[in-house]
N, C-alpha and C. Protein backbone atom coordinates (compact mmCIF):
# COMPACT_ATOMS: atom_id res chain seq x y z
N MET A 1 0.84 -1.19 0.00
CA MET A 1 0.00 0.00 0.00
C MET A 1 0.88 1.25 0.00
N THR A 2 0.58 2.18 -0.89
CA THR A 2 1.29 3.45 -0.90
C THR A 2 0.93 4.24 0.35
N SER A 3 1.94 4.76 1.03
CA SER A 3 1.67 5.52 2.26
C SER A 3 2.64 6.68 2.38
N ILE A 4 2.27 7.63 3.23
CA ILE A 4 3.10 8.82 3.48
C ILE A 4 3.91 8.56 4.73
N ALA A 5 5.22 8.50 4.59
CA ALA A 5 6.09 8.23 5.72
C ALA A 5 6.25 9.45 6.61
N SER A 6 6.39 10.61 5.97
CA SER A 6 6.56 11.85 6.72
C SER A 6 6.31 13.03 5.80
N LEU A 7 6.35 14.22 6.35
CA LEU A 7 6.15 15.44 5.60
C LEU A 7 7.34 16.36 5.82
N THR A 8 7.72 17.07 4.78
CA THR A 8 8.78 18.07 4.90
C THR A 8 8.17 19.45 4.70
N LEU A 9 8.25 20.27 5.73
CA LEU A 9 7.79 21.65 5.64
C LEU A 9 8.98 22.53 5.30
N GLU A 10 8.80 23.39 4.33
CA GLU A 10 9.84 24.33 3.94
C GLU A 10 9.60 25.63 4.69
N VAL A 11 10.54 26.01 5.51
CA VAL A 11 10.36 27.13 6.42
C VAL A 11 11.55 28.09 6.32
N THR A 12 11.33 29.32 6.74
CA THR A 12 12.40 30.31 6.71
C THR A 12 13.47 30.02 7.75
N ASP A 13 13.03 29.56 8.93
CA ASP A 13 13.96 29.31 10.04
C ASP A 13 13.71 27.92 10.61
N PRO A 14 14.44 26.88 10.15
CA PRO A 14 14.20 25.51 10.62
C PRO A 14 14.39 25.34 12.13
N THR A 15 15.33 26.04 12.74
CA THR A 15 15.56 25.91 14.18
C THR A 15 14.35 26.41 14.96
N ALA A 16 13.84 27.57 14.59
CA ALA A 16 12.66 28.12 15.27
C ALA A 16 11.44 27.24 15.04
N ALA A 17 11.30 26.71 13.81
CA ALA A 17 10.15 25.84 13.51
C ALA A 17 10.22 24.55 14.31
N LYS A 18 11.42 23.98 14.43
CA LYS A 18 11.58 22.75 15.22
C LYS A 18 11.21 22.99 16.68
N ASP A 19 11.65 24.12 17.22
CA ASP A 19 11.30 24.47 18.60
C ASP A 19 9.79 24.56 18.76
N PHE A 20 9.13 25.20 17.79
CA PHE A 20 7.67 25.34 17.86
C PHE A 20 6.98 23.98 17.83
N TYR A 21 7.33 23.13 16.86
CA TYR A 21 6.61 21.87 16.71
C TYR A 21 6.88 20.89 17.85
N CYS A 22 8.07 20.92 18.39
CA CYS A 22 8.37 20.06 19.54
C CYS A 22 7.62 20.55 20.78
N THR A 23 7.58 21.87 20.97
CA THR A 23 6.92 22.44 22.14
C THR A 23 5.40 22.34 22.04
N ALA A 24 4.85 22.73 20.89
CA ALA A 24 3.40 22.80 20.75
C ALA A 24 2.75 21.42 20.60
N PHE A 25 3.31 20.58 19.75
CA PHE A 25 2.64 19.32 19.41
C PHE A 25 3.44 18.06 19.74
N GLY A 26 4.71 18.22 20.12
CA GLY A 26 5.53 17.05 20.39
C GLY A 26 5.88 16.27 19.14
N LEU A 27 5.84 16.94 17.99
CA LEU A 27 6.13 16.27 16.72
C LEU A 27 7.62 16.34 16.43
N ASP A 28 8.18 15.22 16.03
CA ASP A 28 9.58 15.20 15.63
C ASP A 28 9.78 14.26 14.45
N PRO A 29 9.56 12.93 14.62
CA PRO A 29 9.83 12.06 13.47
C PRO A 29 8.84 12.25 12.32
N GLU A 30 7.64 12.75 12.62
CA GLU A 30 6.62 12.88 11.57
C GLU A 30 6.88 14.08 10.65
N LEU A 31 7.65 15.04 11.16
CA LEU A 31 7.89 16.27 10.41
C LEU A 31 9.37 16.48 10.15
N ASN A 32 9.71 16.74 8.91
CA ASN A 32 11.05 17.19 8.56
C ASN A 32 10.96 18.66 8.21
N LEU A 33 12.01 19.39 8.47
CA LEU A 33 12.03 20.82 8.21
C LEU A 33 13.27 21.15 7.39
N ARG A 34 13.09 22.01 6.40
CA ARG A 34 14.26 22.46 5.65
C ARG A 34 14.08 23.93 5.28
N ALA A 35 15.21 24.61 5.19
CA ALA A 35 15.18 26.04 4.91
C ALA A 35 14.72 26.33 3.49
N SER A 36 13.89 27.35 3.36
CA SER A 36 13.43 27.78 2.05
C SER A 36 12.97 29.24 2.12
N ASP A 37 13.34 29.99 1.10
CA ASP A 37 12.84 31.36 0.95
C ASP A 37 11.97 31.46 -0.29
N ALA A 38 11.45 30.32 -0.76
CA ALA A 38 10.60 30.32 -1.96
C ALA A 38 9.41 31.23 -1.72
N PRO A 39 9.11 32.13 -2.67
CA PRO A 39 8.00 33.06 -2.49
C PRO A 39 6.67 32.33 -2.28
N THR A 40 5.89 32.80 -1.33
CA THR A 40 4.56 32.24 -1.08
C THR A 40 3.70 33.32 -0.44
N THR A 41 2.47 33.45 -0.89
CA THR A 41 1.55 34.43 -0.31
C THR A 41 0.18 33.79 -0.15
N GLY A 42 -0.53 34.23 0.89
CA GLY A 42 -1.89 33.76 1.11
C GLY A 42 -1.98 32.29 1.44
N PHE A 43 -3.12 31.69 1.08
CA PHE A 43 -3.40 30.29 1.37
C PHE A 43 -2.49 29.39 0.54
N ARG A 44 -1.81 28.46 1.20
CA ARG A 44 -0.87 27.57 0.50
C ARG A 44 -1.53 26.33 -0.09
N GLY A 45 -2.84 26.21 0.08
CA GLY A 45 -3.57 25.12 -0.56
C GLY A 45 -3.65 23.83 0.23
N PHE A 46 -3.18 23.83 1.48
CA PHE A 46 -3.28 22.62 2.29
C PHE A 46 -3.42 23.00 3.76
N THR A 47 -3.92 22.04 4.53
CA THR A 47 -3.90 22.15 5.99
C THR A 47 -3.44 20.81 6.55
N LEU A 48 -2.97 20.85 7.76
CA LEU A 48 -2.65 19.64 8.50
C LEU A 48 -3.58 19.56 9.69
N SER A 49 -4.05 18.36 9.98
CA SER A 49 -4.97 18.16 11.11
C SER A 49 -4.38 17.17 12.10
N LEU A 50 -4.55 17.50 13.36
CA LEU A 50 -4.26 16.56 14.45
C LEU A 50 -5.60 16.08 14.96
N THR A 51 -5.90 14.79 14.83
CA THR A 51 -7.13 14.27 15.39
C THR A 51 -6.78 13.56 16.70
N VAL A 52 -7.59 13.86 17.71
CA VAL A 52 -7.34 13.36 19.06
C VAL A 52 -8.64 12.77 19.60
N SER A 53 -8.57 12.19 20.80
CA SER A 53 -9.73 11.44 21.30
C SER A 53 -10.67 12.24 22.20
N ARG A 54 -10.21 13.36 22.74
CA ARG A 54 -11.06 14.07 23.70
C ARG A 54 -10.86 15.59 23.65
N PRO A 55 -11.89 16.35 24.01
CA PRO A 55 -11.80 17.81 23.99
C PRO A 55 -10.67 18.38 24.84
N ALA A 56 -10.37 17.77 25.99
CA ALA A 56 -9.29 18.29 26.83
C ALA A 56 -7.96 18.28 26.10
N THR A 57 -7.75 17.28 25.23
CA THR A 57 -6.51 17.19 24.46
C THR A 57 -6.48 18.26 23.37
N VAL A 58 -7.64 18.53 22.76
CA VAL A 58 -7.73 19.65 21.80
C VAL A 58 -7.31 20.94 22.50
N ASP A 59 -7.89 21.19 23.66
CA ASP A 59 -7.56 22.40 24.41
C ASP A 59 -6.07 22.47 24.73
N GLY A 60 -5.52 21.35 25.15
CA GLY A 60 -4.10 21.31 25.52
C GLY A 60 -3.19 21.65 24.36
N PHE A 61 -3.43 21.04 23.20
CA PHE A 61 -2.59 21.31 22.04
C PHE A 61 -2.78 22.74 21.53
N ALA A 62 -4.04 23.22 21.52
CA ALA A 62 -4.30 24.58 21.05
C ALA A 62 -3.63 25.61 21.96
N GLU A 63 -3.75 25.41 23.26
CA GLU A 63 -3.13 26.35 24.20
C GLU A 63 -1.61 26.32 24.09
N ALA A 64 -1.03 25.13 23.92
CA ALA A 64 0.42 25.01 23.78
C ALA A 64 0.89 25.69 22.50
N ALA A 65 0.12 25.54 21.41
CA ALA A 65 0.48 26.17 20.14
C ALA A 65 0.45 27.69 20.25
N LEU A 66 -0.60 28.22 20.85
CA LEU A 66 -0.72 29.67 21.00
C LEU A 66 0.38 30.21 21.90
N ALA A 67 0.70 29.50 22.96
CA ALA A 67 1.77 29.93 23.88
C ALA A 67 3.13 29.90 23.19
N ALA A 68 3.29 29.02 22.20
CA ALA A 68 4.56 28.90 21.49
C ALA A 68 4.67 29.85 20.30
N GLY A 69 3.61 30.63 20.05
CA GLY A 69 3.68 31.65 19.00
C GLY A 69 2.72 31.51 17.85
N ALA A 70 1.82 30.52 17.89
CA ALA A 70 0.84 30.36 16.81
C ALA A 70 -0.22 31.45 16.90
N THR A 71 -0.95 31.63 15.81
CA THR A 71 -2.06 32.58 15.74
C THR A 71 -3.36 31.80 15.63
N SER A 72 -4.38 32.23 16.34
CA SER A 72 -5.68 31.56 16.26
C SER A 72 -6.42 32.01 15.00
N LEU A 73 -6.84 31.05 14.16
CA LEU A 73 -7.66 31.35 12.99
C LEU A 73 -9.13 31.07 13.27
N LYS A 74 -9.38 30.00 14.05
CA LYS A 74 -10.73 29.67 14.50
C LYS A 74 -10.62 29.20 15.95
N PRO A 75 -11.22 29.93 16.89
CA PRO A 75 -11.12 29.52 18.29
C PRO A 75 -11.73 28.13 18.50
N VAL A 76 -11.21 27.41 19.46
CA VAL A 76 -11.70 26.09 19.79
C VAL A 76 -13.15 26.19 20.28
N LYS A 77 -14.02 25.34 19.73
CA LYS A 77 -15.43 25.33 20.15
C LYS A 77 -16.11 24.05 19.71
N LYS A 78 -17.30 23.82 20.23
CA LYS A 78 -18.11 22.67 19.80
C LYS A 78 -18.75 22.99 18.46
N SER A 79 -18.94 21.93 17.67
CA SER A 79 -19.63 22.07 16.39
C SER A 79 -20.49 20.83 16.18
N ILE A 80 -21.18 20.79 15.06
CA ILE A 80 -22.00 19.63 14.75
C ILE A 80 -21.13 18.37 14.60
N TRP A 81 -19.84 18.56 14.24
CA TRP A 81 -18.94 17.44 13.99
C TRP A 81 -18.14 17.01 15.22
N GLY A 82 -18.13 17.85 16.25
CA GLY A 82 -17.34 17.51 17.43
C GLY A 82 -16.82 18.75 18.13
N TYR A 83 -15.51 18.82 18.30
CA TYR A 83 -14.89 19.91 19.06
C TYR A 83 -13.52 20.18 18.46
N GLY A 84 -13.23 21.44 18.14
CA GLY A 84 -11.93 21.73 17.56
C GLY A 84 -11.71 23.19 17.26
N GLY A 85 -10.52 23.48 16.77
CA GLY A 85 -10.14 24.84 16.41
C GLY A 85 -9.00 24.80 15.40
N VAL A 86 -8.63 25.98 14.89
CA VAL A 86 -7.59 26.08 13.87
C VAL A 86 -6.58 27.14 14.28
N VAL A 87 -5.29 26.79 14.15
CA VAL A 87 -4.22 27.73 14.43
C VAL A 87 -3.26 27.78 13.24
N GLN A 88 -2.52 28.88 13.16
CA GLN A 88 -1.49 29.00 12.14
C GLN A 88 -0.15 29.11 12.83
N ALA A 89 0.75 28.18 12.50
CA ALA A 89 2.08 28.16 13.10
C ALA A 89 2.87 29.39 12.64
N PRO A 90 3.91 29.75 13.38
CA PRO A 90 4.73 30.91 12.99
C PRO A 90 5.31 30.80 11.58
N ASP A 91 5.53 29.57 11.08
CA ASP A 91 6.06 29.40 9.72
C ASP A 91 4.98 29.53 8.65
N GLY A 92 3.72 29.68 9.06
CA GLY A 92 2.62 29.87 8.12
C GLY A 92 1.76 28.65 7.87
N THR A 93 2.19 27.48 8.35
CA THR A 93 1.40 26.26 8.16
C THR A 93 0.14 26.30 9.01
N ILE A 94 -0.98 25.90 8.41
CA ILE A 94 -2.28 25.91 9.11
C ILE A 94 -2.54 24.52 9.68
N TRP A 95 -2.90 24.49 10.97
CA TRP A 95 -3.17 23.24 11.69
C TRP A 95 -4.57 23.28 12.29
N LYS A 96 -5.33 22.22 12.03
CA LYS A 96 -6.62 22.03 12.69
C LYS A 96 -6.44 20.98 13.77
N ILE A 97 -6.96 21.25 14.95
CA ILE A 97 -6.87 20.31 16.07
C ILE A 97 -8.30 19.95 16.43
N ALA A 98 -8.66 18.67 16.35
CA ALA A 98 -10.07 18.32 16.50
C ALA A 98 -10.30 16.92 17.04
N THR A 99 -11.49 16.73 17.58
CA THR A 99 -11.97 15.42 18.01
C THR A 99 -13.43 15.31 17.63
N SER A 100 -13.89 14.09 17.38
CA SER A 100 -15.32 13.88 17.11
C SER A 100 -16.13 13.85 18.40
N ALA A 101 -15.43 13.72 19.53
CA ALA A 101 -16.11 13.68 20.84
C ALA A 101 -16.51 15.09 21.26
N LYS A 102 -17.66 15.20 21.89
CA LYS A 102 -18.11 16.51 22.38
C LYS A 102 -18.00 16.62 23.89
N LYS A 103 -17.86 15.48 24.56
CA LYS A 103 -17.74 15.47 26.03
C LYS A 103 -16.42 14.80 26.41
N ASP A 104 -15.79 15.34 27.44
CA ASP A 104 -14.54 14.78 27.90
C ASP A 104 -14.72 13.45 28.61
N ALA A 105 -13.84 12.51 28.28
CA ALA A 105 -13.83 11.21 28.96
C ALA A 105 -12.58 11.12 29.84
N GLY A 106 -11.90 12.23 30.02
CA GLY A 106 -10.71 12.25 30.83
C GLY A 106 -9.89 13.49 30.56
N PRO A 107 -8.74 13.61 31.24
CA PRO A 107 -7.89 14.80 31.07
C PRO A 107 -7.09 14.75 29.78
N ASP A 108 -6.40 15.84 29.49
CA ASP A 108 -5.53 15.95 28.33
C ASP A 108 -4.44 14.89 28.43
N ASP A 109 -4.38 14.00 27.43
CA ASP A 109 -3.37 12.94 27.46
C ASP A 109 -2.22 13.19 26.47
N ARG A 110 -2.26 14.36 25.76
CA ARG A 110 -1.21 14.74 24.81
C ARG A 110 -0.98 13.66 23.75
N LYS A 111 -2.03 12.90 23.43
CA LYS A 111 -1.91 11.82 22.46
C LYS A 111 -2.57 12.21 21.15
N ILE A 112 -1.81 12.06 20.07
CA ILE A 112 -2.33 12.32 18.72
C ILE A 112 -2.74 10.98 18.11
N ASP A 113 -4.01 10.86 17.72
CA ASP A 113 -4.48 9.63 17.09
C ASP A 113 -4.04 9.56 15.63
N ASP A 114 -4.22 10.67 14.90
CA ASP A 114 -3.85 10.70 13.49
C ASP A 114 -3.37 12.09 13.09
N ILE A 115 -2.46 12.11 12.12
CA ILE A 115 -2.09 13.34 11.44
C ILE A 115 -2.66 13.22 10.03
N VAL A 116 -3.43 14.22 9.63
CA VAL A 116 -4.10 14.17 8.32
C VAL A 116 -3.64 15.36 7.48
N LEU A 117 -3.17 15.08 6.28
CA LEU A 117 -2.84 16.11 5.32
C LEU A 117 -4.03 16.28 4.39
N LEU A 118 -4.61 17.49 4.38
CA LEU A 118 -5.72 17.78 3.48
C LEU A 118 -5.22 18.70 2.38
N LEU A 119 -5.32 18.23 1.15
CA LEU A 119 -4.91 19.03 0.00
C LEU A 119 -6.14 19.68 -0.62
N GLY A 120 -6.06 20.98 -0.84
CA GLY A 120 -7.13 21.69 -1.53
C GLY A 120 -6.95 21.55 -3.03
N VAL A 121 -7.90 20.93 -3.70
CA VAL A 121 -7.75 20.63 -5.13
C VAL A 121 -8.76 21.42 -5.96
N SER A 122 -8.38 21.66 -7.21
CA SER A 122 -9.26 22.42 -8.10
C SER A 122 -10.25 21.52 -8.84
N ASP A 123 -9.87 20.27 -9.08
CA ASP A 123 -10.74 19.33 -9.79
C ASP A 123 -10.68 17.98 -9.06
N MET A 124 -11.70 17.70 -8.27
CA MET A 124 -11.69 16.50 -7.43
C MET A 124 -11.57 15.22 -8.25
N ALA A 125 -12.34 15.11 -9.32
CA ALA A 125 -12.32 13.89 -10.14
C ALA A 125 -10.93 13.65 -10.73
N GLU A 126 -10.31 14.72 -11.24
CA GLU A 126 -8.99 14.59 -11.83
C GLU A 126 -7.95 14.20 -10.78
N SER A 127 -8.00 14.84 -9.61
CA SER A 127 -7.02 14.54 -8.55
C SER A 127 -7.21 13.13 -8.00
N LYS A 128 -8.46 12.72 -7.81
CA LYS A 128 -8.73 11.37 -7.33
C LYS A 128 -8.18 10.34 -8.30
N LYS A 129 -8.44 10.53 -9.58
CA LYS A 129 -7.95 9.62 -10.61
C LYS A 129 -6.42 9.59 -10.62
N PHE A 130 -5.82 10.75 -10.48
CA PHE A 130 -4.35 10.85 -10.48
C PHE A 130 -3.76 10.03 -9.34
N TYR A 131 -4.30 10.20 -8.14
CA TYR A 131 -3.73 9.50 -6.98
C TYR A 131 -3.99 7.99 -7.01
N VAL A 132 -5.16 7.60 -7.48
CA VAL A 132 -5.42 6.16 -7.64
C VAL A 132 -4.42 5.58 -8.64
N GLY A 133 -4.12 6.34 -9.68
CA GLY A 133 -3.15 5.90 -10.67
C GLY A 133 -1.73 5.80 -10.13
N HIS A 134 -1.47 6.46 -9.00
CA HIS A 134 -0.15 6.39 -8.36
C HIS A 134 -0.14 5.44 -7.16
N GLY A 135 -1.14 4.56 -7.11
CA GLY A 135 -1.09 3.48 -6.12
C GLY A 135 -1.84 3.71 -4.83
N LEU A 136 -2.54 4.83 -4.67
CA LEU A 136 -3.31 5.05 -3.45
C LEU A 136 -4.68 4.41 -3.58
N THR A 137 -5.22 3.96 -2.46
CA THR A 137 -6.51 3.29 -2.42
C THR A 137 -7.53 4.17 -1.72
N VAL A 138 -8.67 4.40 -2.36
CA VAL A 138 -9.72 5.24 -1.77
C VAL A 138 -10.36 4.50 -0.59
N ALA A 139 -10.42 5.18 0.56
CA ALA A 139 -11.08 4.62 1.74
C ALA A 139 -12.48 5.21 1.90
N LYS A 140 -12.63 6.50 1.61
CA LYS A 140 -13.93 7.18 1.69
C LYS A 140 -14.01 8.17 0.55
N SER A 141 -15.20 8.32 -0.02
CA SER A 141 -15.39 9.27 -1.10
C SER A 141 -16.80 9.83 -1.06
N PHE A 142 -16.90 11.16 -1.08
CA PHE A 142 -18.20 11.82 -1.09
C PHE A 142 -18.28 12.71 -2.31
N GLY A 143 -18.42 12.06 -3.47
CA GLY A 143 -18.58 12.76 -4.73
C GLY A 143 -17.47 13.75 -4.99
N SER A 144 -17.84 14.97 -5.34
CA SER A 144 -16.86 16.02 -5.64
C SER A 144 -16.47 16.81 -4.40
N LYS A 145 -16.92 16.36 -3.22
CA LYS A 145 -16.69 17.11 -1.98
C LYS A 145 -15.41 16.70 -1.24
N TYR A 146 -15.19 15.37 -1.13
CA TYR A 146 -14.13 14.90 -0.23
C TYR A 146 -13.71 13.49 -0.61
N VAL A 147 -12.41 13.25 -0.57
CA VAL A 147 -11.87 11.90 -0.78
C VAL A 147 -10.80 11.65 0.27
N GLU A 148 -10.85 10.49 0.91
CA GLU A 148 -9.83 10.09 1.88
C GLU A 148 -9.23 8.77 1.41
N PHE A 149 -7.90 8.68 1.50
CA PHE A 149 -7.20 7.48 1.06
C PHE A 149 -6.81 6.60 2.24
N ALA A 150 -6.76 5.31 1.98
CA ALA A 150 -6.36 4.35 3.01
C ALA A 150 -4.90 4.58 3.36
N SER A 151 -4.56 4.31 4.63
CA SER A 151 -3.17 4.49 5.07
C SER A 151 -2.81 3.39 6.07
N GLU A 152 -1.52 3.12 6.15
CA GLU A 152 -1.05 2.14 7.12
C GLU A 152 -1.06 2.77 8.51
N ALA A 153 -1.11 1.94 9.54
CA ALA A 153 -1.09 2.43 10.91
C ALA A 153 0.17 3.25 11.15
N GLY A 154 -0.02 4.43 11.72
CA GLY A 154 1.10 5.30 12.04
C GLY A 154 1.53 6.22 10.91
N ALA A 155 0.99 6.00 9.70
CA ALA A 155 1.35 6.85 8.57
C ALA A 155 0.48 8.11 8.57
N VAL A 156 0.95 9.14 7.90
CA VAL A 156 0.15 10.35 7.72
C VAL A 156 -0.98 10.03 6.76
N LYS A 157 -2.21 10.40 7.13
CA LYS A 157 -3.35 10.16 6.26
C LYS A 157 -3.45 11.28 5.22
N LEU A 158 -3.93 10.93 4.03
CA LEU A 158 -4.12 11.91 2.96
C LEU A 158 -5.59 12.01 2.62
N ALA A 159 -6.05 13.25 2.48
CA ALA A 159 -7.43 13.50 2.05
C ALA A 159 -7.44 14.68 1.09
N LEU A 160 -8.41 14.68 0.18
CA LEU A 160 -8.60 15.77 -0.78
C LEU A 160 -9.90 16.49 -0.48
N TYR A 161 -9.84 17.82 -0.60
CA TYR A 161 -10.99 18.67 -0.34
C TYR A 161 -10.95 19.77 -1.40
N GLY A 162 -12.07 20.30 -1.79
CA GLY A 162 -12.05 21.43 -2.72
C GLY A 162 -11.29 22.59 -2.09
N ARG A 163 -10.51 23.30 -2.89
CA ARG A 163 -9.65 24.37 -2.35
C ARG A 163 -10.45 25.43 -1.58
N ARG A 164 -11.54 25.89 -2.16
CA ARG A 164 -12.34 26.94 -1.50
C ARG A 164 -12.95 26.41 -0.20
N ALA A 165 -13.45 25.19 -0.23
CA ALA A 165 -14.05 24.61 0.97
C ALA A 165 -13.00 24.42 2.06
N LEU A 166 -11.79 24.02 1.68
CA LEU A 166 -10.73 23.83 2.66
C LEU A 166 -10.32 25.15 3.28
N ALA A 167 -10.20 26.19 2.46
CA ALA A 167 -9.85 27.51 2.99
C ALA A 167 -10.93 28.01 3.96
N LYS A 168 -12.19 27.79 3.60
CA LYS A 168 -13.28 28.20 4.48
C LYS A 168 -13.21 27.45 5.80
N ASP A 169 -12.94 26.16 5.73
CA ASP A 169 -12.83 25.34 6.94
C ASP A 169 -11.69 25.83 7.83
N ALA A 170 -10.62 26.34 7.19
CA ALA A 170 -9.47 26.83 7.94
C ALA A 170 -9.65 28.26 8.44
N GLY A 171 -10.63 28.96 7.89
CA GLY A 171 -10.86 30.34 8.31
C GLY A 171 -9.99 31.35 7.60
N VAL A 172 -9.59 31.03 6.33
CA VAL A 172 -8.76 31.96 5.57
C VAL A 172 -9.35 32.17 4.17
N HIS A 173 -8.86 33.20 3.48
CA HIS A 173 -9.27 33.47 2.11
C HIS A 173 -8.62 32.43 1.20
N PRO A 174 -9.32 31.95 0.16
CA PRO A 174 -8.76 30.88 -0.67
C PRO A 174 -7.64 31.30 -1.61
N ASP A 175 -7.46 32.60 -1.82
CA ASP A 175 -6.43 33.04 -2.75
C ASP A 175 -5.03 32.85 -2.17
N GLY A 176 -4.10 32.51 -3.04
CA GLY A 176 -2.71 32.35 -2.64
C GLY A 176 -1.87 32.06 -3.86
N THR A 177 -0.60 32.44 -3.82
CA THR A 177 0.30 32.22 -4.94
C THR A 177 1.65 31.73 -4.43
N GLY A 178 2.43 31.17 -5.35
CA GLY A 178 3.79 30.76 -5.02
C GLY A 178 3.87 29.34 -4.48
N SER A 179 4.93 29.09 -3.75
CA SER A 179 5.23 27.75 -3.26
C SER A 179 4.21 27.25 -2.23
N HIS A 180 3.91 25.95 -2.29
CA HIS A 180 3.08 25.34 -1.26
C HIS A 180 3.86 25.20 0.05
N ARG A 181 5.20 25.17 -0.04
CA ARG A 181 6.10 25.03 1.11
C ARG A 181 5.92 23.69 1.83
N ILE A 182 5.61 22.63 1.06
CA ILE A 182 5.52 21.30 1.64
C ILE A 182 5.95 20.27 0.60
N VAL A 183 6.65 19.23 1.05
CA VAL A 183 7.00 18.09 0.21
C VAL A 183 6.49 16.84 0.93
N ILE A 184 5.80 15.97 0.20
CA ILE A 184 5.22 14.76 0.77
C ILE A 184 6.18 13.60 0.53
N ASP A 185 6.68 13.03 1.63
CA ASP A 185 7.67 11.96 1.55
C ASP A 185 6.95 10.61 1.53
N SER A 186 7.11 9.87 0.43
CA SER A 186 6.34 8.65 0.24
C SER A 186 7.11 7.63 -0.56
N ASP A 187 6.62 6.38 -0.52
CA ASP A 187 7.22 5.33 -1.35
C ASP A 187 6.59 5.30 -2.74
N ALA A 188 5.77 6.29 -3.07
CA ALA A 188 5.11 6.32 -4.38
C ALA A 188 6.05 6.80 -5.48
N GLY A 189 7.18 7.36 -5.09
CA GLY A 189 8.12 7.85 -6.09
C GLY A 189 7.93 9.33 -6.35
N PRO A 190 8.93 10.01 -6.88
CA PRO A 190 8.81 11.46 -7.08
C PRO A 190 7.84 11.82 -8.20
N PHE A 191 6.94 12.76 -7.90
CA PHE A 191 6.03 13.30 -8.91
C PHE A 191 5.42 14.59 -8.38
N THR A 192 4.77 15.31 -9.26
CA THR A 192 4.03 16.51 -8.88
C THR A 192 2.58 16.31 -9.31
N ASP A 193 1.65 16.59 -8.40
CA ASP A 193 0.24 16.31 -8.68
C ASP A 193 -0.38 17.46 -9.50
N PRO A 194 -1.67 17.32 -9.91
CA PRO A 194 -2.29 18.35 -10.77
C PRO A 194 -2.36 19.74 -10.13
N ASP A 195 -2.27 19.83 -8.80
CA ASP A 195 -2.32 21.13 -8.13
C ASP A 195 -0.95 21.63 -7.71
N GLY A 196 0.10 20.95 -8.19
CA GLY A 196 1.45 21.42 -7.94
C GLY A 196 2.09 20.95 -6.65
N PHE A 197 1.47 20.00 -5.95
CA PHE A 197 2.06 19.47 -4.72
C PHE A 197 3.14 18.45 -5.10
N THR A 198 4.29 18.56 -4.45
CA THR A 198 5.45 17.73 -4.77
C THR A 198 5.55 16.53 -3.84
N TRP A 199 5.71 15.38 -4.44
CA TRP A 199 5.96 14.13 -3.68
C TRP A 199 7.39 13.71 -3.94
N GLY A 200 8.10 13.37 -2.85
CA GLY A 200 9.50 12.99 -2.99
C GLY A 200 9.73 11.51 -2.74
């Protein structure tokens, strides 16, 4: 099965970014960081999500991120889908922290159940076909709205969402230009997808 081993974020200051991600989320092996001054403005076309099991853990990660220098894009709150919020890291990467649970079953355990990479795509049918052609297996599909691919345990999950819908979910304007500032590390081999996302 094709899977995502890790992600490489291209950042202006790798040392500062490493300090942020270790402090805020405890992420280290899942994220690689490398220096880049590639021009980028506005929405970069993707978000990363941390899914957790309880609201207290959402609160814990969100508070740690804000204390470490993140900006709140959507305050943590209950919704029809569960409980969550959105922050933007100092390097510009957008992170959603969420759980499907609405009531706490215990204290903050600092445990991440899944890391999900959501790519904002311009043509869902074309992107879905492209990824299936590169060895990914569809796990869930909701027409032109959303596609999620199967992943091995412990791997980063990949999902596709319409670009405008993803930007709205993140609380930002959908416009953006320049580098995505992310490279997807996988056993699928090097390629660039229809929306310009690079796989290494």
